[in-house]
Amino acid sequence: MKISAIIPAYNEESTIANVIKTVKEVSEIEQIIVVSDGSTDRTVSVAKRLGVKVFEIKKNIGKGGAIKKGFEKTNSDILLFLDADLIGLKCEHIYALINPIKESLSDMTIGVFSQGRLLTDLPQLLMPYLSGQRAMKREIIDLIPDLDLLKYGLEIAITKTVKKHGYKAIQVKLINLTQRIKEEKYGLVEGTKKRLQMYLDIVKQLKFGS
């Protein structure tokens, strides 16, 4: 089964290199696709320098649109989705996500941070369905309506689609893995605004998503 990694990224020049380098160490990953969603920093040049496929969206359209762009550029049977702002990504984290699907134990895996930082561990402990670290059969993405319109509600839409169509999903612990939070990226004021927008998108998807 062919596996592709899709990494949506928005201004992640400080972390994306380590994410890409780790994914490249996993021989089972045949293709790595970075989708820059309107980045204005060096995200694109850093990714290109590492020799992976890079697709550049000039204007920020949201995570769903970026994921769709990457999805359209591959015909792999299994898709691995990783955030570009991960800190501490190791090969074992990737294997934890892809192996249950390769071995037909699950149709989708959801990675949950554990023993990393309380700032990221706690939200995922309480709401694991918000995790952006996932692997899944390609057909699942095909079933999500209006994928390109989804922003922070993307992960909920995926989870709801899996449940609706009877696919099996399991959670896997990603030990000592964390990521940069919005307040660290954008500062307290702007980061708080983006966090509130995230919560609004999540609530909207919970209430009105199919």
N, C-alpha and C. Protein backbone atom coordinates (compact mmCIF):
# COMPACT_ATOMS: atom_id res chain seq x y z
N MET A 1 0.84 -1.20 0.00
CA MET A 1 0.00 0.00 0.00
C MET A 1 0.88 1.25 0.00
N LYS A 2 0.60 2.15 -0.90
CA LYS A 2 1.38 3.38 -1.01
C LYS A 2 0.93 4.39 0.05
N ILE A 3 1.90 5.03 0.68
CA ILE A 3 1.60 6.00 1.74
C ILE A 3 2.19 7.36 1.37
N SER A 4 1.38 8.38 1.50
CA SER A 4 1.85 9.76 1.30
C SER A 4 1.63 10.55 2.58
N ALA A 5 2.57 11.45 2.86
CA ALA A 5 2.43 12.37 3.98
C ALA A 5 2.07 13.75 3.44
N ILE A 6 1.02 14.34 4.00
CA ILE A 6 0.60 15.68 3.60
C ILE A 6 0.78 16.60 4.80
N ILE A 7 1.53 17.67 4.60
CA ILE A 7 1.86 18.60 5.68
C ILE A 7 1.37 20.00 5.31
N PRO A 8 0.21 20.41 5.81
CA PRO A 8 -0.24 21.79 5.57
C PRO A 8 0.56 22.73 6.46
N ALA A 9 0.90 23.89 5.94
CA ALA A 9 1.77 24.79 6.70
C ALA A 9 1.42 26.25 6.45
N TYR A 10 1.38 27.00 7.54
CA TYR A 10 1.19 28.44 7.45
C TYR A 10 2.22 29.12 8.35
N ASN A 11 3.25 29.68 7.71
CA ASN A 11 4.32 30.38 8.44
C ASN A 11 4.94 29.53 9.55
N GLU A 12 5.54 28.40 9.13
CA GLU A 12 6.14 27.47 10.09
C GLU A 12 7.62 27.25 9.78
N GLU A 13 8.34 28.32 9.41
CA GLU A 13 9.73 28.18 9.02
C GLU A 13 10.62 27.63 10.13
N SER A 14 10.23 27.84 11.38
CA SER A 14 11.09 27.43 12.50
C SER A 14 10.98 25.95 12.84
N THR A 15 9.92 25.29 12.40
CA THR A 15 9.70 23.89 12.80
C THR A 15 9.56 22.92 11.64
N ILE A 16 9.23 23.41 10.45
CA ILE A 16 8.87 22.49 9.37
C ILE A 16 10.04 21.63 8.92
N ALA A 17 11.27 22.15 9.00
CA ALA A 17 12.42 21.36 8.55
C ALA A 17 12.56 20.06 9.35
N ASN A 18 12.44 20.14 10.66
CA ASN A 18 12.57 18.94 11.49
C ASN A 18 11.44 17.95 11.23
N VAL A 19 10.25 18.47 10.96
CA VAL A 19 9.12 17.59 10.64
C VAL A 19 9.41 16.84 9.34
N ILE A 20 9.83 17.55 8.31
CA ILE A 20 10.11 16.92 7.02
C ILE A 20 11.25 15.91 7.14
N LYS A 21 12.33 16.30 7.83
CA LYS A 21 13.48 15.40 7.96
C LYS A 21 13.10 14.09 8.64
N THR A 22 12.24 14.17 9.64
CA THR A 22 11.82 12.95 10.34
C THR A 22 10.97 12.08 9.44
N VAL A 23 10.05 12.68 8.71
CA VAL A 23 9.20 11.90 7.80
C VAL A 23 10.06 11.21 6.74
N LYS A 24 11.08 11.88 6.27
CA LYS A 24 11.95 11.31 5.23
C LYS A 24 12.71 10.08 5.73
N GLU A 25 12.86 9.95 7.05
CA GLU A 25 13.55 8.80 7.61
C GLU A 25 12.69 7.53 7.59
N VAL A 26 11.41 7.68 7.37
CA VAL A 26 10.49 6.53 7.36
C VAL A 26 10.35 6.04 5.93
N SER A 27 10.97 4.89 5.64
CA SER A 27 11.04 4.41 4.26
C SER A 27 9.68 4.08 3.67
N GLU A 28 8.73 3.77 4.54
CA GLU A 28 7.38 3.43 4.04
C GLU A 28 6.65 4.62 3.44
N ILE A 29 7.08 5.83 3.77
CA ILE A 29 6.46 7.03 3.21
C ILE A 29 7.07 7.28 1.84
N GLU A 30 6.29 7.08 0.80
CA GLU A 30 6.82 7.19 -0.55
C GLU A 30 6.77 8.61 -1.10
N GLN A 31 5.94 9.45 -0.50
CA GLN A 31 5.76 10.79 -1.04
C GLN A 31 5.47 11.76 0.11
N ILE A 32 6.12 12.91 0.08
CA ILE A 32 5.87 13.96 1.07
C ILE A 32 5.41 15.21 0.33
N ILE A 33 4.26 15.71 0.72
CA ILE A 33 3.69 16.88 0.08
C ILE A 33 3.49 17.97 1.12
N VAL A 34 4.13 19.10 0.91
CA VAL A 34 3.93 20.27 1.76
C VAL A 34 3.03 21.25 1.02
N VAL A 35 2.00 21.70 1.70
CA VAL A 35 1.11 22.70 1.10
C VAL A 35 1.21 23.97 1.94
N SER A 36 1.81 24.99 1.36
CA SER A 36 1.92 26.27 2.05
C SER A 36 0.64 27.06 1.85
N ASP A 37 -0.05 27.32 2.95
CA ASP A 37 -1.36 27.99 2.89
C ASP A 37 -1.19 29.49 3.12
N GLY A 38 -0.63 30.17 2.12
CA GLY A 38 -0.47 31.61 2.21
C GLY A 38 0.69 32.06 3.08
N SER A 39 1.69 31.21 3.26
CA SER A 39 2.83 31.58 4.10
C SER A 39 3.56 32.80 3.55
N THR A 40 4.00 33.66 4.46
CA THR A 40 4.74 34.85 4.07
C THR A 40 6.17 34.83 4.60
N ASP A 41 6.53 33.76 5.28
CA ASP A 41 7.89 33.62 5.79
C ASP A 41 8.69 32.69 4.89
N ARG A 42 9.65 31.98 5.42
CA ARG A 42 10.52 31.12 4.61
C ARG A 42 10.05 29.66 4.57
N THR A 43 8.82 29.41 4.92
CA THR A 43 8.30 28.03 4.92
C THR A 43 8.52 27.34 3.58
N VAL A 44 8.19 28.00 2.50
CA VAL A 44 8.30 27.39 1.17
C VAL A 44 9.75 27.10 0.81
N SER A 45 10.64 28.06 1.01
CA SER A 45 12.04 27.85 0.63
C SER A 45 12.69 26.77 1.47
N VAL A 46 12.34 26.70 2.76
CA VAL A 46 12.89 25.65 3.63
C VAL A 46 12.44 24.28 3.14
N ALA A 47 11.16 24.14 2.83
CA ALA A 47 10.63 22.85 2.37
C ALA A 47 11.23 22.45 1.02
N LYS A 48 11.36 23.39 0.11
CA LYS A 48 11.93 23.07 -1.21
C LYS A 48 13.37 22.64 -1.08
N ARG A 49 14.10 23.25 -0.18
CA ARG A 49 15.51 22.91 0.00
C ARG A 49 15.67 21.46 0.46
N LEU A 50 14.64 20.92 1.09
CA LEU A 50 14.70 19.55 1.59
C LEU A 50 14.21 18.53 0.56
N GLY A 51 13.88 19.00 -0.62
CA GLY A 51 13.61 18.10 -1.74
C GLY A 51 12.26 17.41 -1.73
N VAL A 52 11.26 18.03 -1.11
CA VAL A 52 9.92 17.44 -1.13
C VAL A 52 9.03 18.25 -2.07
N LYS A 53 7.88 17.67 -2.42
CA LYS A 53 6.94 18.40 -3.26
C LYS A 53 6.30 19.53 -2.46
N VAL A 54 6.31 20.71 -3.03
CA VAL A 54 5.75 21.87 -2.35
C VAL A 54 4.74 22.55 -3.27
N PHE A 55 3.54 22.75 -2.74
CA PHE A 55 2.50 23.48 -3.47
C PHE A 55 2.18 24.75 -2.68
N GLU A 56 2.24 25.86 -3.37
CA GLU A 56 2.11 27.15 -2.72
C GLU A 56 0.77 27.80 -3.05
N ILE A 57 -0.06 27.99 -2.02
CA ILE A 57 -1.30 28.74 -2.16
C ILE A 57 -0.99 30.18 -1.75
N LYS A 58 -1.23 31.11 -2.63
CA LYS A 58 -0.80 32.49 -2.38
C LYS A 58 -1.57 33.16 -1.26
N LYS A 59 -2.86 32.86 -1.14
CA LYS A 59 -3.70 33.48 -0.12
C LYS A 59 -4.17 32.42 0.87
N ASN A 60 -4.10 32.73 2.15
CA ASN A 60 -4.51 31.77 3.18
C ASN A 60 -5.98 31.41 3.03
N ILE A 61 -6.25 30.11 2.84
CA ILE A 61 -7.63 29.67 2.63
C ILE A 61 -8.12 28.73 3.73
N GLY A 62 -7.25 28.33 4.63
CA GLY A 62 -7.66 27.44 5.70
C GLY A 62 -7.14 26.03 5.51
N LYS A 63 -7.13 25.29 6.59
CA LYS A 63 -6.52 23.96 6.59
C LYS A 63 -7.22 22.99 5.66
N GLY A 64 -8.55 23.07 5.58
CA GLY A 64 -9.29 22.16 4.71
C GLY A 64 -8.89 22.33 3.26
N GLY A 65 -8.77 23.58 2.82
CA GLY A 65 -8.36 23.85 1.45
C GLY A 65 -6.95 23.36 1.17
N ALA A 66 -6.06 23.53 2.15
CA ALA A 66 -4.69 23.06 1.98
C ALA A 66 -4.63 21.53 1.90
N ILE A 67 -5.40 20.88 2.76
CA ILE A 67 -5.45 19.41 2.75
C ILE A 67 -6.00 18.92 1.40
N LYS A 68 -7.02 19.58 0.90
CA LYS A 68 -7.60 19.16 -0.38
C LYS A 68 -6.58 19.29 -1.50
N LYS A 69 -5.81 20.37 -1.49
CA LYS A 69 -4.79 20.56 -2.51
C LYS A 69 -3.78 19.41 -2.47
N GLY A 70 -3.34 19.04 -1.29
CA GLY A 70 -2.40 17.94 -1.18
C GLY A 70 -3.02 16.62 -1.57
N PHE A 71 -4.26 16.41 -1.18
CA PHE A 71 -4.99 15.18 -1.49
C PHE A 71 -5.11 14.99 -2.99
N GLU A 72 -5.33 16.08 -3.71
CA GLU A 72 -5.51 16.01 -5.16
C GLU A 72 -4.21 15.69 -5.89
N LYS A 73 -3.09 15.82 -5.21
CA LYS A 73 -1.79 15.61 -5.85
C LYS A 73 -1.21 14.23 -5.60
N THR A 74 -2.00 13.34 -5.00
CA THR A 74 -1.49 11.99 -4.73
C THR A 74 -2.59 10.95 -4.96
N ASN A 75 -2.17 9.76 -5.31
CA ASN A 75 -3.12 8.65 -5.45
C ASN A 75 -2.84 7.54 -4.43
N SER A 76 -2.17 7.89 -3.35
CA SER A 76 -1.79 6.89 -2.34
C SER A 76 -3.00 6.27 -1.65
N ASP A 77 -2.83 5.04 -1.18
CA ASP A 77 -3.90 4.32 -0.49
C ASP A 77 -4.08 4.81 0.94
N ILE A 78 -2.96 5.22 1.57
CA ILE A 78 -2.99 5.70 2.95
C ILE A 78 -2.43 7.12 2.98
N LEU A 79 -3.11 8.00 3.71
CA LEU A 79 -2.67 9.38 3.83
C LEU A 79 -2.30 9.66 5.28
N LEU A 80 -1.14 10.24 5.47
CA LEU A 80 -0.67 10.65 6.78
C LEU A 80 -0.71 12.17 6.83
N PHE A 81 -1.41 12.71 7.82
CA PHE A 81 -1.48 14.16 7.98
C PHE A 81 -0.71 14.56 9.24
N LEU A 82 0.19 15.51 9.07
CA LEU A 82 0.99 16.01 10.18
C LEU A 82 0.99 17.53 10.15
N ASP A 83 0.88 18.15 11.32
CA ASP A 83 1.01 19.59 11.41
C ASP A 83 2.47 19.97 11.24
N ALA A 84 2.70 21.16 10.69
CA ALA A 84 4.06 21.61 10.42
C ALA A 84 4.73 22.23 11.63
N ASP A 85 3.98 22.41 12.72
CA ASP A 85 4.53 23.08 13.90
C ASP A 85 4.87 22.10 15.02
N LEU A 86 5.03 20.83 14.67
CA LEU A 86 5.34 19.82 15.69
C LEU A 86 6.75 20.01 16.26
N ILE A 87 6.87 19.70 17.53
CA ILE A 87 8.16 19.76 18.22
C ILE A 87 8.44 18.39 18.85
N GLY A 88 9.54 17.78 18.44
CA GLY A 88 9.90 16.48 19.00
C GLY A 88 9.40 15.29 18.20
N LEU A 89 9.03 15.49 16.95
CA LEU A 89 8.54 14.37 16.12
C LEU A 89 9.65 13.35 15.91
N LYS A 90 9.32 12.08 16.14
CA LYS A 90 10.24 10.97 15.94
C LYS A 90 9.62 9.95 15.00
N CYS A 91 10.45 9.09 14.46
CA CYS A 91 9.95 8.06 13.55
C CYS A 91 8.91 7.16 14.22
N GLU A 92 9.10 6.90 15.52
CA GLU A 92 8.15 6.02 16.20
C GLU A 92 6.75 6.61 16.27
N HIS A 93 6.67 7.94 16.27
CA HIS A 93 5.35 8.57 16.23
C HIS A 93 4.65 8.28 14.90
N ILE A 94 5.42 8.34 13.85
CA ILE A 94 4.85 8.09 12.51
C ILE A 94 4.42 6.63 12.39
N TYR A 95 5.26 5.72 12.86
CA TYR A 95 4.89 4.30 12.80
C TYR A 95 3.64 4.03 13.64
N ALA A 96 3.51 4.71 14.77
CA ALA A 96 2.33 4.52 15.61
C ALA A 96 1.06 4.91 14.86
N LEU A 97 1.18 5.87 13.97
CA LEU A 97 0.03 6.33 13.20
C LEU A 97 -0.27 5.44 11.99
N ILE A 98 0.76 5.01 11.28
CA ILE A 98 0.50 4.30 10.02
C ILE A 98 0.38 2.79 10.17
N ASN A 99 1.05 2.20 11.16
CA ASN A 99 1.05 0.73 11.25
C ASN A 99 -0.32 0.10 11.46
N PRO A 100 -1.18 0.66 12.32
CA PRO A 100 -2.51 0.03 12.49
C PRO A 100 -3.32 -0.02 11.20
N ILE A 101 -3.09 0.93 10.31
CA ILE A 101 -3.81 0.92 9.04
C ILE A 101 -3.17 -0.06 8.07
N LYS A 102 -1.85 -0.08 8.03
CA LYS A 102 -1.14 -1.05 7.19
C LYS A 102 -1.51 -2.48 7.57
N GLU A 103 -1.70 -2.70 8.86
CA GLU A 103 -1.99 -4.05 9.35
C GLU A 103 -3.49 -4.34 9.43
N SER A 104 -4.30 -3.45 8.84
CA SER A 104 -5.77 -3.61 8.78
C SER A 104 -6.42 -3.71 10.15
N LEU A 105 -5.82 -3.03 11.13
CA LEU A 105 -6.40 -3.00 12.47
C LEU A 105 -7.35 -1.81 12.64
N SER A 106 -7.23 -0.84 11.75
CA SER A 106 -8.04 0.35 11.85
C SER A 106 -8.11 1.03 10.48
N ASP A 107 -9.14 1.86 10.31
CA ASP A 107 -9.26 2.64 9.07
C ASP A 107 -8.67 4.04 9.25
N MET A 108 -8.61 4.50 10.49
CA MET A 108 -8.02 5.80 10.80
C MET A 108 -7.40 5.77 12.19
N THR A 109 -6.26 6.44 12.32
CA THR A 109 -5.66 6.62 13.63
C THR A 109 -5.65 8.11 13.98
N ILE A 110 -5.81 8.39 15.25
CA ILE A 110 -5.78 9.77 15.75
C ILE A 110 -4.66 9.84 16.78
N GLY A 111 -3.67 10.67 16.52
CA GLY A 111 -2.55 10.79 17.44
C GLY A 111 -2.85 11.75 18.57
N VAL A 112 -2.61 11.33 19.80
CA VAL A 112 -2.88 12.15 20.98
C VAL A 112 -1.58 12.40 21.74
N PHE A 113 -1.24 13.67 21.92
CA PHE A 113 -0.01 14.01 22.64
C PHE A 113 -0.05 13.47 24.07
N SER A 114 1.11 13.00 24.53
CA SER A 114 1.21 12.48 25.88
C SER A 114 2.63 12.71 26.40
N GLN A 115 2.73 13.21 27.63
CA GLN A 115 4.02 13.44 28.29
C GLN A 115 4.89 14.45 27.56
N GLY A 116 4.23 15.35 26.83
CA GLY A 116 4.95 16.41 26.15
C GLY A 116 4.94 17.68 27.00
N ARG A 117 3.93 18.52 26.76
CA ARG A 117 3.72 19.72 27.58
C ARG A 117 2.26 19.78 27.98
N LEU A 118 1.99 20.24 29.18
CA LEU A 118 0.62 20.33 29.66
C LEU A 118 -0.23 21.20 28.73
N LEU A 119 0.39 22.25 28.17
CA LEU A 119 -0.32 23.17 27.28
C LEU A 119 -0.93 22.46 26.08
N THR A 120 -0.29 21.39 25.63
CA THR A 120 -0.82 20.65 24.48
C THR A 120 -1.38 19.29 24.86
N ASP A 121 -0.85 18.69 25.92
CA ASP A 121 -1.37 17.38 26.36
C ASP A 121 -2.82 17.47 26.83
N LEU A 122 -3.10 18.47 27.64
CA LEU A 122 -4.42 18.55 28.27
C LEU A 122 -5.55 18.75 27.26
N PRO A 123 -5.44 19.69 26.31
CA PRO A 123 -6.52 19.83 25.33
C PRO A 123 -6.80 18.55 24.55
N GLN A 124 -5.74 17.82 24.22
CA GLN A 124 -5.95 16.59 23.44
C GLN A 124 -6.48 15.46 24.32
N LEU A 125 -6.15 15.48 25.60
CA LEU A 125 -6.72 14.50 26.50
C LEU A 125 -8.23 14.70 26.61
N LEU A 126 -8.64 15.97 26.66
CA LEU A 126 -10.06 16.29 26.80
C LEU A 126 -10.81 16.19 25.47
N MET A 127 -10.12 16.55 24.38
CA MET A 127 -10.77 16.57 23.06
C MET A 127 -9.87 15.95 22.00
N PRO A 128 -9.64 14.65 22.06
CA PRO A 128 -8.71 14.01 21.13
C PRO A 128 -9.12 14.13 19.66
N TYR A 129 -10.41 14.34 19.42
CA TYR A 129 -10.90 14.44 18.04
C TYR A 129 -10.44 15.72 17.36
N LEU A 130 -9.76 16.62 18.09
CA LEU A 130 -9.23 17.84 17.49
C LEU A 130 -7.80 17.67 16.98
N SER A 131 -7.21 16.53 17.20
CA SER A 131 -5.82 16.32 16.81
C SER A 131 -5.65 16.36 15.29
N GLY A 132 -4.59 17.04 14.86
CA GLY A 132 -4.28 17.09 13.43
C GLY A 132 -3.33 16.01 12.98
N GLN A 133 -2.87 15.18 13.91
CA GLN A 133 -1.94 14.10 13.57
C GLN A 133 -2.76 12.83 13.33
N ARG A 134 -2.90 12.45 12.08
CA ARG A 134 -3.76 11.32 11.73
C ARG A 134 -3.22 10.57 10.52
N ALA A 135 -3.61 9.32 10.44
CA ALA A 135 -3.41 8.55 9.22
C ALA A 135 -4.75 7.89 8.91
N MET A 136 -5.03 7.73 7.63
CA MET A 136 -6.35 7.17 7.27
C MET A 136 -6.34 6.63 5.85
N LYS A 137 -7.31 5.78 5.58
CA LYS A 137 -7.50 5.30 4.22
C LYS A 137 -7.95 6.46 3.34
N ARG A 138 -7.48 6.47 2.13
CA ARG A 138 -7.76 7.56 1.20
C ARG A 138 -9.26 7.81 1.02
N GLU A 139 -10.02 6.73 0.99
CA GLU A 139 -11.45 6.85 0.69
C GLU A 139 -12.20 7.72 1.70
N ILE A 140 -11.68 7.82 2.91
CA ILE A 140 -12.35 8.63 3.93
C ILE A 140 -12.39 10.10 3.52
N ILE A 141 -11.27 10.62 3.05
CA ILE A 141 -11.22 12.02 2.63
C ILE A 141 -12.19 12.29 1.49
N ASP A 142 -12.34 11.33 0.61
CA ASP A 142 -13.26 11.46 -0.52
C ASP A 142 -14.70 11.70 -0.07
N LEU A 143 -15.04 11.24 1.12
CA LEU A 143 -16.41 11.31 1.60
C LEU A 143 -16.75 12.61 2.33
N ILE A 144 -15.77 13.45 2.59
CA ILE A 144 -16.01 14.67 3.38
C ILE A 144 -16.56 15.77 2.49
N PRO A 145 -17.77 16.25 2.77
CA PRO A 145 -18.36 17.31 1.94
C PRO A 145 -17.70 18.66 2.20
N ASP A 146 -17.56 19.44 1.13
CA ASP A 146 -17.03 20.81 1.23
C ASP A 146 -15.71 20.87 1.98
N LEU A 147 -14.83 19.94 1.67
CA LEU A 147 -13.54 19.86 2.35
C LEU A 147 -12.78 21.18 2.26
N ASP A 148 -12.81 21.81 1.11
CA ASP A 148 -12.03 23.02 0.90
C ASP A 148 -12.56 24.23 1.67
N LEU A 149 -13.76 24.12 2.23
CA LEU A 149 -14.34 25.23 2.98
C LEU A 149 -14.05 25.13 4.48
N LEU A 150 -13.50 24.01 4.89
CA LEU A 150 -13.27 23.78 6.31
C LEU A 150 -11.96 24.42 6.77
N LYS A 151 -11.99 24.97 7.97
CA LYS A 151 -10.79 25.58 8.55
C LYS A 151 -10.43 24.82 9.82
N TYR A 152 -10.68 25.42 10.97
CA TYR A 152 -10.36 24.74 12.22
C TYR A 152 -11.31 23.59 12.52
N GLY A 153 -12.42 23.52 11.79
CA GLY A 153 -13.37 22.44 12.01
C GLY A 153 -13.04 21.17 11.23
N LEU A 154 -11.91 21.17 10.54
CA LEU A 154 -11.55 20.04 9.68
C LEU A 154 -11.52 18.72 10.42
N GLU A 155 -10.82 18.68 11.55
CA GLU A 155 -10.64 17.41 12.26
C GLU A 155 -11.97 16.85 12.76
N ILE A 156 -12.87 17.73 13.18
CA ILE A 156 -14.18 17.27 13.61
C ILE A 156 -14.95 16.69 12.43
N ALA A 157 -14.86 17.34 11.28
CA ALA A 157 -15.54 16.85 10.08
C ALA A 157 -15.04 15.47 9.69
N ILE A 158 -13.73 15.25 9.80
CA ILE A 158 -13.16 13.94 9.50
C ILE A 158 -13.70 12.90 10.47
N THR A 159 -13.67 13.22 11.75
CA THR A 159 -14.14 12.29 12.77
C THR A 159 -15.61 11.93 12.58
N LYS A 160 -16.42 12.93 12.26
CA LYS A 160 -17.85 12.69 12.06
C LYS A 160 -18.09 11.84 10.82
N THR A 161 -17.30 12.04 9.78
CA THR A 161 -17.43 11.24 8.56
C THR A 161 -17.10 9.78 8.83
N VAL A 162 -16.03 9.56 9.59
CA VAL A 162 -15.64 8.19 9.94
C VAL A 162 -16.76 7.49 10.70
N LYS A 163 -17.33 8.19 11.67
CA LYS A 163 -18.42 7.61 12.46
C LYS A 163 -19.66 7.36 11.62
N LYS A 164 -20.01 8.30 10.78
CA LYS A 164 -21.21 8.20 9.96
C LYS A 164 -21.16 7.00 9.03
N HIS A 165 -19.99 6.72 8.47
CA HIS A 165 -19.86 5.66 7.47
C HIS A 165 -19.35 4.35 8.05
N GLY A 166 -19.24 4.28 9.36
CA GLY A 166 -18.91 3.02 10.01
C GLY A 166 -17.47 2.58 9.92
N TYR A 167 -16.56 3.51 9.71
CA TYR A 167 -15.14 3.16 9.72
C TYR A 167 -14.63 3.02 11.16
N LYS A 168 -13.58 2.27 11.30
CA LYS A 168 -13.00 2.07 12.62
C LYS A 168 -11.87 3.06 12.85
N ALA A 169 -11.91 3.76 13.97
CA ALA A 169 -10.86 4.70 14.33
C ALA A 169 -10.32 4.36 15.71
N ILE A 170 -9.02 4.50 15.88
CA ILE A 170 -8.41 4.27 17.18
C ILE A 170 -7.48 5.44 17.52
N GLN A 171 -7.31 5.67 18.81
CA GLN A 171 -6.38 6.69 19.27
C GLN A 171 -5.04 6.04 19.60
N VAL A 172 -3.96 6.73 19.26
CA VAL A 172 -2.63 6.24 19.60
C VAL A 172 -1.89 7.36 20.34
N LYS A 173 -1.15 7.00 21.36
CA LYS A 173 -0.40 7.98 22.13
C LYS A 173 0.89 8.36 21.40
N LEU A 174 1.15 9.65 21.36
CA LEU A 174 2.37 10.18 20.77
C LEU A 174 3.21 10.75 21.92
N ILE A 175 4.07 9.89 22.46
CA ILE A 175 4.81 10.22 23.67
C ILE A 175 5.88 11.29 23.39
N ASN A 176 5.94 12.29 24.28
CA ASN A 176 6.94 13.37 24.22
C ASN A 176 6.85 14.21 22.94
N LEU A 177 5.68 14.26 22.35
CA LEU A 177 5.46 15.11 21.18
C LEU A 177 4.58 16.29 21.58
N THR A 178 4.91 17.46 21.06
CA THR A 178 4.11 18.64 21.33
C THR A 178 4.13 19.53 20.09
N GLN A 179 3.58 20.73 20.20
CA GLN A 179 3.59 21.66 19.08
C GLN A 179 3.51 23.09 19.61
N ARG A 180 3.84 24.02 18.77
CA ARG A 180 3.74 25.44 19.14
C ARG A 180 2.27 25.83 19.19
N ILE A 181 1.87 26.50 20.26
CA ILE A 181 0.50 26.96 20.37
C ILE A 181 0.38 28.35 19.75
N LYS A 182 -0.84 28.76 19.49
CA LYS A 182 -1.08 30.01 18.79
C LYS A 182 -0.49 31.23 19.50
N GLU A 183 -0.58 31.24 20.82
CA GLU A 183 -0.05 32.37 21.56
C GLU A 183 1.47 32.47 21.44
N GLU A 184 2.13 31.34 21.23
CA GLU A 184 3.58 31.34 21.04
C GLU A 184 3.95 31.82 19.64
N LYS A 185 3.10 31.52 18.68
CA LYS A 185 3.38 31.89 17.30
C LYS A 185 3.11 33.36 17.02
N TYR A 186 1.96 33.83 17.52
CA TYR A 186 1.47 35.13 17.10
C TYR A 186 1.47 36.19 18.20
N GLY A 187 1.86 35.82 19.41
CA GLY A 187 1.76 36.74 20.52
C GLY A 187 0.43 36.57 21.23
N LEU A 188 0.33 37.11 22.43
CA LEU A 188 -0.84 36.87 23.27
C LEU A 188 -2.13 37.38 22.65
N VAL A 189 -2.12 38.61 22.17
CA VAL A 189 -3.36 39.20 21.65
C VAL A 189 -3.81 38.52 20.37
N GLU A 190 -2.94 38.47 19.37
CA GLU A 190 -3.32 37.87 18.09
C GLU A 190 -3.55 36.37 18.25
N GLY A 191 -2.75 35.72 19.08
CA GLY A 191 -2.93 34.29 19.30
C GLY A 191 -4.26 33.97 19.95
N THR A 192 -4.68 34.82 20.88
CA THR A 192 -5.98 34.63 21.54
C THR A 192 -7.12 34.81 20.53
N LYS A 193 -6.98 35.79 19.65
CA LYS A 193 -7.99 35.99 18.61
C LYS A 193 -8.12 34.75 17.72
N LYS A 194 -6.98 34.20 17.33
CA LYS A 194 -7.01 33.01 16.48
C LYS A 194 -7.57 31.80 17.23
N ARG A 195 -7.29 31.72 18.52
CA ARG A 195 -7.83 30.62 19.32
C ARG A 195 -9.35 30.72 19.42
N LEU A 196 -9.85 31.92 19.61
CA LEU A 196 -11.31 32.12 19.66
C LEU A 196 -11.94 31.77 18.32
N GLN A 197 -11.28 32.15 17.22
CA GLN A 197 -11.81 31.79 15.91
C GLN A 197 -11.83 30.28 15.73
N MET A 198 -10.80 29.62 16.24
CA MET A 198 -10.75 28.16 16.17
C MET A 198 -11.94 27.54 16.90
N TYR A 199 -12.22 28.04 18.10
CA TYR A 199 -13.34 27.51 18.87
C TYR A 199 -14.68 27.76 18.16
N LEU A 200 -14.80 28.92 17.52
CA LEU A 200 -16.04 29.22 16.79
C LEU A 200 -16.22 28.27 15.61
N ASP A 201 -15.14 28.00 14.89
CA ASP A 201 -15.20 27.06 13.77
C ASP A 201 -15.56 25.65 14.25
N ILE A 202 -15.00 25.27 15.39
CA ILE A 202 -15.28 23.94 15.94
C ILE A 202 -16.74 23.83 16.34
N VAL A 203 -17.25 24.84 17.03
CA VAL A 203 -18.66 24.83 17.44
C VAL A 203 -19.57 24.78 16.22
N LYS A 204 -19.23 25.54 15.20
CA LYS A 204 -20.03 25.55 13.97
C LYS A 204 -20.08 24.17 13.34
N GLN A 205 -18.93 23.50 13.29
CA GLN A 205 -18.90 22.17 12.70
C GLN A 205 -19.65 21.15 13.55
N LEU A 206 -19.58 21.31 14.86
CA LEU A 206 -20.31 20.40 15.75
C LEU A 206 -21.81 20.57 15.59
N LYS A 207 -22.25 21.79 15.39
CA LYS A 207 -23.69 22.08 15.31
C LYS A 207 -24.27 21.81 13.93
N PHE A 208 -23.51 22.22 12.89
CA PHE A 208 -24.11 22.21 11.57
C PHE A 208 -23.44 21.29 10.57
N GLY A 209 -22.27 20.74 10.91
CA GLY A 209 -21.58 19.86 9.97
C GLY A 209 -22.36 18.58 9.75
N SER A 210 -22.22 18.05 8.54
CA SER A 210 -22.97 16.83 8.20
C SER A 210 -22.30 15.60 8.78
